[in-house]
Amino acid sequence: MPAGGAATGRTAVQAEPVLVAGLIEVCRATIAANSDHLCALDRAIGDGDHGTNMRRGCEAVSAEGESLSSLPFPDAMEKIGLTLVMNVGGAAGPLYGTLLMEIGRELRKSDEKADFSQVLKQAIDAVARRGRAHAGDKTLLDVLYPVHAALASRSPLGAIARRAERSANRTADMKAMRGRAAYLGDRSIGHVDPGASSCALLTTAICRYLGEHRPQ
């Protein structure tokens, strides 16, 4: 998820090391605190290990926090994405990894004051291609696309976080079309998608952290 300038849709390619380190830690702590909840959501429609997988990935990223925070922001995003691919099991690793690796690649191609909403849109579209999914399929895309819309409309950080939370909750009304949950058919309705939930939790944590620590 994005760092820096989230309320305006613009971010500098370079980010302060302390900001990157802080974001890594707040994401790790958020997933650790909600791991059991994410596993419970996943037991209803999947393998029951989403929280465990996400926790393992975030801990792997945190273990590299010092070296990651010393990198240029695009390089840090790409390396974090690769770390998630290598350490998060199931579909979540490739999807979250693709998101962050594409953010890094797009930022590297952009100028120093890139429009982050455009960068994020390119990255989300890459996730959709990787997962062969679309909005409405009951996946983390059902949080990512609304978050992008809020960012593109220059919504404040608090509004972006609330949009993410509402969007995750709305996946309970959707029928799963991708992944193991798709085999349940209509029985997947009534359950929040665990990937959408972890995405909303991370988005909320990042927005809160940026609101408190982002350089003015």
C-alpha atoms as a PDB file:
ATOM      1  CA  MET A   1       0.000   0.000   0.000  1.00  0.00           C
ATOM      2  CA  PRO A   2       1.022   3.577  -0.603  1.00  0.00           C
ATOM      3  CA  ALA A   3       3.326   5.703   1.465  1.00  0.00           C
ATOM      4  CA  GLY A   4       3.563   9.466   1.461  1.00  0.00           C
ATOM      5  CA  GLY A   5       1.086  11.953  -0.028  1.00  0.00           C
ATOM      6  CA  ALA A   6      -1.869   9.578   0.159  1.00  0.00           C
ATOM      7  CA  ALA A   7      -4.367  12.365   0.775  1.00  0.00           C
ATOM      8  CA  THR A   8      -3.468  14.195  -2.415  1.00  0.00           C
ATOM      9  CA  GLY A   9      -2.674  11.304  -4.713  1.00  0.00           C
ATOM     10  CA  ARG A  10       0.918  12.454  -5.140  1.00  0.00           C
ATOM     11  CA  THR A  11       4.045  11.090  -3.489  1.00  0.00           C
ATOM     12  CA  ALA A  12       7.750  11.651  -3.764  1.00  0.00           C
ATOM     13  CA  VAL A  13       9.715   8.736  -5.175  1.00  0.00           C
ATOM     14  CA  GLN A  14      12.123   9.078  -2.241  1.00  0.00           C
ATOM     15  CA  ALA A  15      10.733   8.413   1.238  1.00  0.00           C
ATOM     16  CA  GLU A  16      12.402   9.057   4.553  1.00  0.00           C
ATOM     17  CA  PRO A  17      13.963   5.847   5.948  1.00  0.00           C
ATOM     18  CA  VAL A  18      12.188   6.361   9.263  1.00  0.00           C
ATOM     19  CA  LEU A  19       8.845   6.551   7.432  1.00  0.00           C
ATOM     20  CA  VAL A  20       9.471   3.308   5.539  1.00  0.00           C
ATOM     21  CA  ALA A  21      10.618   1.562   8.711  1.00  0.00           C
ATOM     22  CA  GLY A  22       7.539   2.798  10.556  1.00  0.00           C
ATOM     23  CA  LEU A  23       5.193   1.595   7.834  1.00  0.00           C
ATOM     24  CA  ILE A  24       6.804  -1.838   7.839  1.00  0.00           C
ATOM     25  CA  GLU A  25       6.363  -2.089  11.598  1.00  0.00           C
ATOM     26  CA  VAL A  26       2.772  -0.876  11.674  1.00  0.00           C
ATOM     27  CA  CYS A  27       1.829  -3.383   8.961  1.00  0.00           C
ATOM     28  CA  ARG A  28       3.560  -6.203  10.847  1.00  0.00           C
ATOM     29  CA  ALA A  29       1.849  -5.275  14.101  1.00  0.00           C
ATOM     30  CA  THR A  30      -1.570  -4.962  12.472  1.00  0.00           C
ATOM     31  CA  ILE A  31      -1.406  -8.381  10.866  1.00  0.00           C
ATOM     32  CA  ALA A  32      -0.031  -9.948  14.063  1.00  0.00           C
ATOM     33  CA  ALA A  33      -2.917  -8.502  16.069  1.00  0.00           C
ATOM     34  CA  ASN A  34      -5.500  -9.712  13.547  1.00  0.00           C
ATOM     35  CA  SER A  35      -3.981 -13.028  12.464  1.00  0.00           C
ATOM     36  CA  ASP A  36      -6.506 -15.175  14.339  1.00  0.00           C
ATOM     37  CA  HIS A  37      -9.413 -13.133  12.984  1.00  0.00           C
ATOM     38  CA  LEU A  38      -8.141 -13.497   9.402  1.00  0.00           C
ATOM     39  CA  CYS A  39      -7.723 -17.245   9.884  1.00  0.00           C
ATOM     40  CA  ALA A  40     -11.298 -17.457  11.185  1.00  0.00           C
ATOM     41  CA  LEU A  41     -12.586 -15.653   8.110  1.00  0.00           C
ATOM     42  CA  ASP A  42     -10.566 -17.976   5.909  1.00  0.00           C
ATOM     43  CA  ARG A  43     -11.820 -21.124   7.636  1.00  0.00           C
ATOM     44  CA  ALA A  44     -15.334 -20.218   6.528  1.00  0.00           C
ATOM     45  CA  ILE A  45     -14.527 -20.181   2.808  1.00  0.00           C
ATOM     46  CA  GLY A  46     -10.928 -21.304   2.365  1.00  0.00           C
ATOM     47  CA  ASP A  47      -8.001 -23.134   3.924  1.00  0.00           C
ATOM     48  CA  GLY A  48      -8.064 -21.233   7.204  1.00  0.00           C
ATOM     49  CA  ASP A  49      -4.458 -20.054   6.972  1.00  0.00           C
ATOM     50  CA  HIS A  50      -4.660 -16.527   5.564  1.00  0.00           C
ATOM     51  CA  GLY A  51      -3.761 -14.880   8.864  1.00  0.00           C
ATOM     52  CA  THR A  52      -0.863 -17.253   9.441  1.00  0.00           C
ATOM     53  CA  ASN A  53       0.444 -16.745   5.921  1.00  0.00           C
ATOM     54  CA  MET A  54       0.192 -12.972   6.105  1.00  0.00           C
ATOM     55  CA  ARG A  55       1.865 -12.915   9.497  1.00  0.00           C
ATOM     56  CA  ARG A  56       4.779 -14.970   8.178  1.00  0.00           C
ATOM     57  CA  GLY A  57       5.204 -12.623   5.236  1.00  0.00           C
ATOM     58  CA  CYS A  58       5.077  -9.475   7.330  1.00  0.00           C
ATOM     59  CA  GLU A  59       7.576 -10.884   9.779  1.00  0.00           C
ATOM     60  CA  ALA A  60       9.934 -11.707   6.900  1.00  0.00           C
ATOM     61  CA  VAL A  61       9.650  -8.124   5.666  1.00  0.00           C
ATOM     62  CA  SER A  62      10.198  -6.788   9.185  1.00  0.00           C
ATOM     63  CA  ALA A  63      13.349  -8.878   9.519  1.00  0.00           C
ATOM     64  CA  GLU A  64      14.742  -6.978   6.533  1.00  0.00           C
ATOM     65  CA  GLY A  65      13.412  -3.637   7.767  1.00  0.00           C
ATOM     66  CA  GLU A  66      16.749  -1.933   8.319  1.00  0.00           C
ATOM     67  CA  SER A  67      18.086  -2.699   4.858  1.00  0.00           C
ATOM     68  CA  LEU A  68      14.741  -1.998   3.193  1.00  0.00           C
ATOM     69  CA  SER A  69      14.413   1.425   4.800  1.00  0.00           C
ATOM     70  CA  SER A  70      17.808   2.437   3.439  1.00  0.00           C
ATOM     71  CA  LEU A  71      16.757   1.816  -0.167  1.00  0.00           C
ATOM     72  CA  PRO A  72      15.164   4.324  -2.537  1.00  0.00           C
ATOM     73  CA  PHE A  73      11.404   4.016  -2.149  1.00  0.00           C
ATOM     74  CA  PRO A  74      10.781   2.249  -5.507  1.00  0.00           C
ATOM     75  CA  ASP A  75      13.491  -0.311  -4.747  1.00  0.00           C
ATOM     76  CA  ALA A  76      12.093  -0.873  -1.255  1.00  0.00           C
ATOM     77  CA  MET A  77       8.592  -1.508  -2.622  1.00  0.00           C
ATOM     78  CA  GLU A  78       9.889  -3.975  -5.178  1.00  0.00           C
ATOM     79  CA  LYS A  79      11.978  -5.872  -2.641  1.00  0.00           C
ATOM     80  CA  ILE A  80       9.118  -5.985  -0.131  1.00  0.00           C
ATOM     81  CA  GLY A  81       6.885  -7.394  -2.845  1.00  0.00           C
ATOM     82  CA  LEU A  82       9.423 -10.079  -3.710  1.00  0.00           C
ATOM     83  CA  THR A  83       9.773 -10.967  -0.026  1.00  0.00           C
ATOM     84  CA  LEU A  84       6.015 -11.428   0.254  1.00  0.00           C
ATOM     85  CA  VAL A  85       5.921 -13.648  -2.833  1.00  0.00           C
ATOM     86  CA  MET A  86       8.613 -15.842  -1.321  1.00  0.00           C
ATOM     87  CA  ASN A  87       7.138 -16.043   2.186  1.00  0.00           C
ATOM     88  CA  VAL A  88       3.338 -15.775   2.006  1.00  0.00           C
ATOM     89  CA  GLY A  89       1.571 -18.964   1.029  1.00  0.00           C
ATOM     90  CA  GLY A  90      -1.588 -19.350  -0.995  1.00  0.00           C
ATOM     91  CA  ALA A  91      -2.790 -16.724  -3.440  1.00  0.00           C
ATOM     92  CA  ALA A  92      -2.055 -13.793  -1.133  1.00  0.00           C
ATOM     93  CA  GLY A  93       1.716 -13.818  -1.642  1.00  0.00           C
ATOM     94  CA  PRO A  94       1.661 -13.457  -5.430  1.00  0.00           C
ATOM     95  CA  LEU A  95      -1.151 -10.884  -5.294  1.00  0.00           C
ATOM     96  CA  TYR A  96       0.279  -8.620  -2.597  1.00  0.00           C
ATOM     97  CA  GLY A  97       3.738  -9.163  -4.034  1.00  0.00           C
ATOM     98  CA  THR A  98       2.602  -8.143  -7.504  1.00  0.00           C
ATOM     99  CA  LEU A  99       0.958  -5.014  -6.092  1.00  0.00           C
ATOM    100  CA  LEU A 100       4.114  -3.791  -4.373  1.00  0.00           C
ATOM    101  CA  MET A 101       6.542  -4.848  -7.092  1.00  0.00           C
ATOM    102  CA  GLU A 102       4.479  -3.031  -9.698  1.00  0.00           C
ATOM    103  CA  ILE A 103       4.291   0.083  -7.500  1.00  0.00           C
ATOM    104  CA  GLY A 104       8.071   0.031  -7.315  1.00  0.00           C
ATOM    105  CA  ARG A 105       8.482  -0.445 -11.048  1.00  0.00           C
ATOM    106  CA  GLU A 106       5.977   2.245 -11.938  1.00  0.00           C
ATOM    107  CA  LEU A 107       7.542   4.728  -9.527  1.00  0.00           C
ATOM    108  CA  ARG A 108      10.964   4.027 -10.953  1.00  0.00           C
ATOM    109  CA  LYS A 109       9.668   4.957 -14.403  1.00  0.00           C
ATOM    110  CA  SER A 110       8.031   8.134 -13.110  1.00  0.00           C
ATOM    111  CA  ASP A 111       9.411  11.521 -12.200  1.00  0.00           C
ATOM    112  CA  GLU A 112      10.147  12.556  -8.628  1.00  0.00           C
ATOM    113  CA  LYS A 113       6.615  13.834  -8.001  1.00  0.00           C
ATOM    114  CA  ALA A 114       4.681  10.975  -9.571  1.00  0.00           C
ATOM    115  CA  ASP A 115       0.882  10.944  -9.392  1.00  0.00           C
ATOM    116  CA  PHE A 116       0.513   8.047  -6.991  1.00  0.00           C
ATOM    117  CA  SER A 117      -3.109   7.377  -7.935  1.00  0.00           C
ATOM    118  CA  GLN A 118      -1.978   6.535 -11.482  1.00  0.00           C
ATOM    119  CA  VAL A 119       0.859   4.386 -10.162  1.00  0.00           C
ATOM    120  CA  LEU A 120      -1.545   2.534  -7.873  1.00  0.00           C
ATOM    121  CA  LYS A 121      -4.057   1.977 -10.682  1.00  0.00           C
ATOM    122  CA  GLN A 122      -1.373   0.357 -12.848  1.00  0.00           C
ATOM    123  CA  ALA A 123      -0.349  -1.868  -9.948  1.00  0.00           C
ATOM    124  CA  ILE A 124      -3.934  -2.901  -9.147  1.00  0.00           C
ATOM    125  CA  ASP A 125      -4.555  -3.770 -12.784  1.00  0.00           C
ATOM    126  CA  ALA A 126      -1.443  -5.968 -12.655  1.00  0.00           C
ATOM    127  CA  VAL A 127      -2.896  -7.746  -9.607  1.00  0.00           C
ATOM    128  CA  ALA A 128      -6.144  -8.310 -11.509  1.00  0.00           C
ATOM    129  CA  ARG A 129      -4.246  -9.829 -14.413  1.00  0.00           C
ATOM    130  CA  ARG A 130      -2.166 -12.014 -12.101  1.00  0.00           C
ATOM    131  CA  GLY A 131      -5.237 -13.313 -10.310  1.00  0.00           C
ATOM    132  CA  ARG A 132      -7.435 -13.370 -13.423  1.00  0.00           C
ATOM    133  CA  ALA A 133     -10.019 -11.556 -11.348  1.00  0.00           C
ATOM    134  CA  HIS A 134     -12.222  -8.497 -11.575  1.00  0.00           C
ATOM    135  CA  ALA A 135     -14.001  -6.151  -9.201  1.00  0.00           C
ATOM    136  CA  GLY A 136     -16.980  -7.992  -7.739  1.00  0.00           C
ATOM    137  CA  ASP A 137     -15.263 -11.393  -7.659  1.00  0.00           C
ATOM    138  CA  LYS A 138     -14.916 -11.280  -3.837  1.00  0.00           C
ATOM    139  CA  THR A 139     -11.169 -10.676  -3.603  1.00  0.00           C
ATOM    140  CA  LEU A 140      -8.810  -8.000  -2.318  1.00  0.00           C
ATOM    141  CA  LEU A 141      -9.537  -6.146  -5.573  1.00  0.00           C
ATOM    142  CA  ASP A 142     -12.882  -5.200  -4.042  1.00  0.00           C
ATOM    143  CA  VAL A 143     -10.921  -3.093  -1.575  1.00  0.00           C
ATOM    144  CA  LEU A 144      -8.083  -1.973  -3.830  1.00  0.00           C
ATOM    145  CA  TYR A 145     -10.247  -0.444  -6.552  1.00  0.00           C
ATOM    146  CA  PRO A 146     -12.373   1.620  -4.115  1.00  0.00           C
ATOM    147  CA  VAL A 147      -9.201   2.737  -2.327  1.00  0.00           C
ATOM    148  CA  HIS A 148      -7.803   3.875  -5.656  1.00  0.00           C
ATOM    149  CA  ALA A 149     -11.017   5.773  -6.426  1.00  0.00           C
ATOM    150  CA  ALA A 150     -10.819   7.539  -3.066  1.00  0.00           C
ATOM    151  CA  LEU A 151      -7.168   8.380  -3.624  1.00  0.00           C
ATOM    152  CA  ALA A 152      -7.797   9.656  -7.147  1.00  0.00           C
ATOM    153  CA  SER A 153     -10.554  11.951  -5.845  1.00  0.00           C
ATOM    154  CA  ARG A 154      -8.097  13.378  -3.301  1.00  0.00           C
ATOM    155  CA  SER A 155     -10.012  12.050  -0.300  1.00  0.00           C
ATOM    156  CA  PRO A 156      -8.397  12.600   3.102  1.00  0.00           C
ATOM    157  CA  LEU A 157      -6.643   9.695   4.759  1.00  0.00           C
ATOM    158  CA  GLY A 158      -9.467   9.003   7.193  1.00  0.00           C
ATOM    159  CA  ALA A 159     -11.976   8.764   4.345  1.00  0.00           C
ATOM    160  CA  ILE A 160      -9.707   6.381   2.444  1.00  0.00           C
ATOM    161  CA  ALA A 161      -9.476   4.136   5.507  1.00  0.00           C
ATOM    162  CA  ARG A 162     -13.249   4.147   5.993  1.00  0.00           C
ATOM    163  CA  ARG A 163     -13.766   3.356   2.315  1.00  0.00           C
ATOM    164  CA  ALA A 164     -11.452   0.357   2.659  1.00  0.00           C
ATOM    165  CA  GLU A 165     -13.292  -0.950   5.720  1.00  0.00           C
ATOM    166  CA  ARG A 166     -16.726  -0.579   4.124  1.00  0.00           C
ATOM    167  CA  SER A 167     -15.539  -2.204   0.927  1.00  0.00           C
ATOM    168  CA  ALA A 168     -14.178  -5.238   2.767  1.00  0.00           C
ATOM    169  CA  ASN A 169     -17.455  -5.667   4.650  1.00  0.00           C
ATOM    170  CA  ARG A 170     -19.407  -5.511   1.398  1.00  0.00           C
ATOM    171  CA  THR A 171     -17.653  -8.634   0.134  1.00  0.00           C
ATOM    172  CA  ALA A 172     -19.949 -10.585   2.486  1.00  0.00           C
ATOM    173  CA  ASP A 173     -22.748  -9.968  -0.019  1.00  0.00           C
ATOM    174  CA  MET A 174     -20.689 -11.237  -2.960  1.00  0.00           C
ATOM    175  CA  LYS A 175     -20.408 -14.713  -4.446  1.00  0.00           C
ATOM    176  CA  ALA A 176     -16.798 -15.840  -4.715  1.00  0.00           C
ATOM    177  CA  MET A 177     -15.639 -16.268  -8.295  1.00  0.00           C
ATOM    178  CA  ARG A 178     -11.932 -16.985  -7.769  1.00  0.00           C
ATOM    179  CA  GLY A 179      -9.836 -19.225  -5.563  1.00  0.00           C
ATOM    180  CA  ARG A 180     -10.931 -22.035  -3.274  1.00  0.00           C
ATOM    181  CA  ALA A 181     -13.951 -20.044  -2.123  1.00  0.00           C
ATOM    182  CA  ALA A 182     -15.364 -20.212  -5.652  1.00  0.00           C
ATOM    183  CA  TYR A 183     -16.006 -23.938  -5.180  1.00  0.00           C
ATOM    184  CA  LEU A 184     -18.559 -23.057  -2.513  1.00  0.00           C
ATOM    185  CA  GLY A 185     -20.716 -21.179  -4.985  1.00  0.00           C
ATOM    186  CA  ASP A 186     -23.639 -19.486  -3.269  1.00  0.00           C
ATOM    187  CA  ARG A 187     -22.432 -20.786   0.099  1.00  0.00           C
ATOM    188  CA  SER A 188     -19.623 -18.226  -0.046  1.00  0.00           C
ATOM    189  CA  ILE A 189     -22.233 -15.472   0.296  1.00  0.00           C
ATOM    190  CA  GLY A 190     -22.510 -14.165   3.827  1.00  0.00           C
ATOM    191  CA  HIS A 191     -18.796 -14.333   4.569  1.00  0.00           C
ATOM    192  CA  VAL A 192     -16.274 -11.491   4.351  1.00  0.00           C
ATOM    193  CA  ASP A 193     -13.381 -12.310   2.045  1.00  0.00           C
ATOM    194  CA  PRO A 194     -10.207 -12.730   4.137  1.00  0.00           C
ATOM    195  CA  GLY A 195      -7.973 -11.132   1.501  1.00  0.00           C
ATOM    196  CA  ALA A 196     -10.254  -8.105   1.323  1.00  0.00           C
ATOM    197  CA  SER A 197     -10.212  -7.932   5.121  1.00  0.00           C
ATOM    198  CA  SER A 198      -6.401  -8.020   5.376  1.00  0.00           C
ATOM    199  CA  CYS A 199      -6.188  -5.386   2.644  1.00  0.00           C
ATOM    200  CA  ALA A 200      -8.588  -3.111   4.535  1.00  0.00           C
ATOM    201  CA  LEU A 201      -6.713  -3.644   7.801  1.00  0.00           C
ATOM    202  CA  LEU A 202      -3.409  -2.732   6.172  1.00  0.00           C
ATOM    203  CA  THR A 203      -4.889   0.265   4.381  1.00  0.00           C
ATOM    204  CA  THR A 204      -6.397   1.570   7.616  1.00  0.00           C
ATOM    205  CA  ALA A 205      -3.142   1.086   9.524  1.00  0.00           C
ATOM    206  CA  ILE A 206      -1.122   2.826   6.806  1.00  0.00           C
ATOM    207  CA  CYS A 207      -3.549   5.749   6.598  1.00  0.00           C
ATOM    208  CA  ARG A 208      -3.499   6.180  10.362  1.00  0.00           C
ATOM    209  CA  TYR A 209       0.291   6.057  10.472  1.00  0.00           C
ATOM    210  CA  LEU A 210       0.695   8.540   7.623  1.00  0.00           C
ATOM    211  CA  GLY A 211      -1.780  10.868   9.273  1.00  0.00           C
ATOM    212  CA  GLU A 212       0.327  10.873  12.412  1.00  0.00           C
ATOM    213  CA  HIS A 213       3.850  10.781  10.964  1.00  0.00           C
ATOM    214  CA  ARG A 214       3.862  11.983   7.371  1.00  0.00           C
ATOM    215  CA  PRO A 215       6.174  14.972   6.875  1.00  0.00           C
ATOM    216  CA  GLN A 216       4.193  18.125   6.182  1.00  0.00           C
END
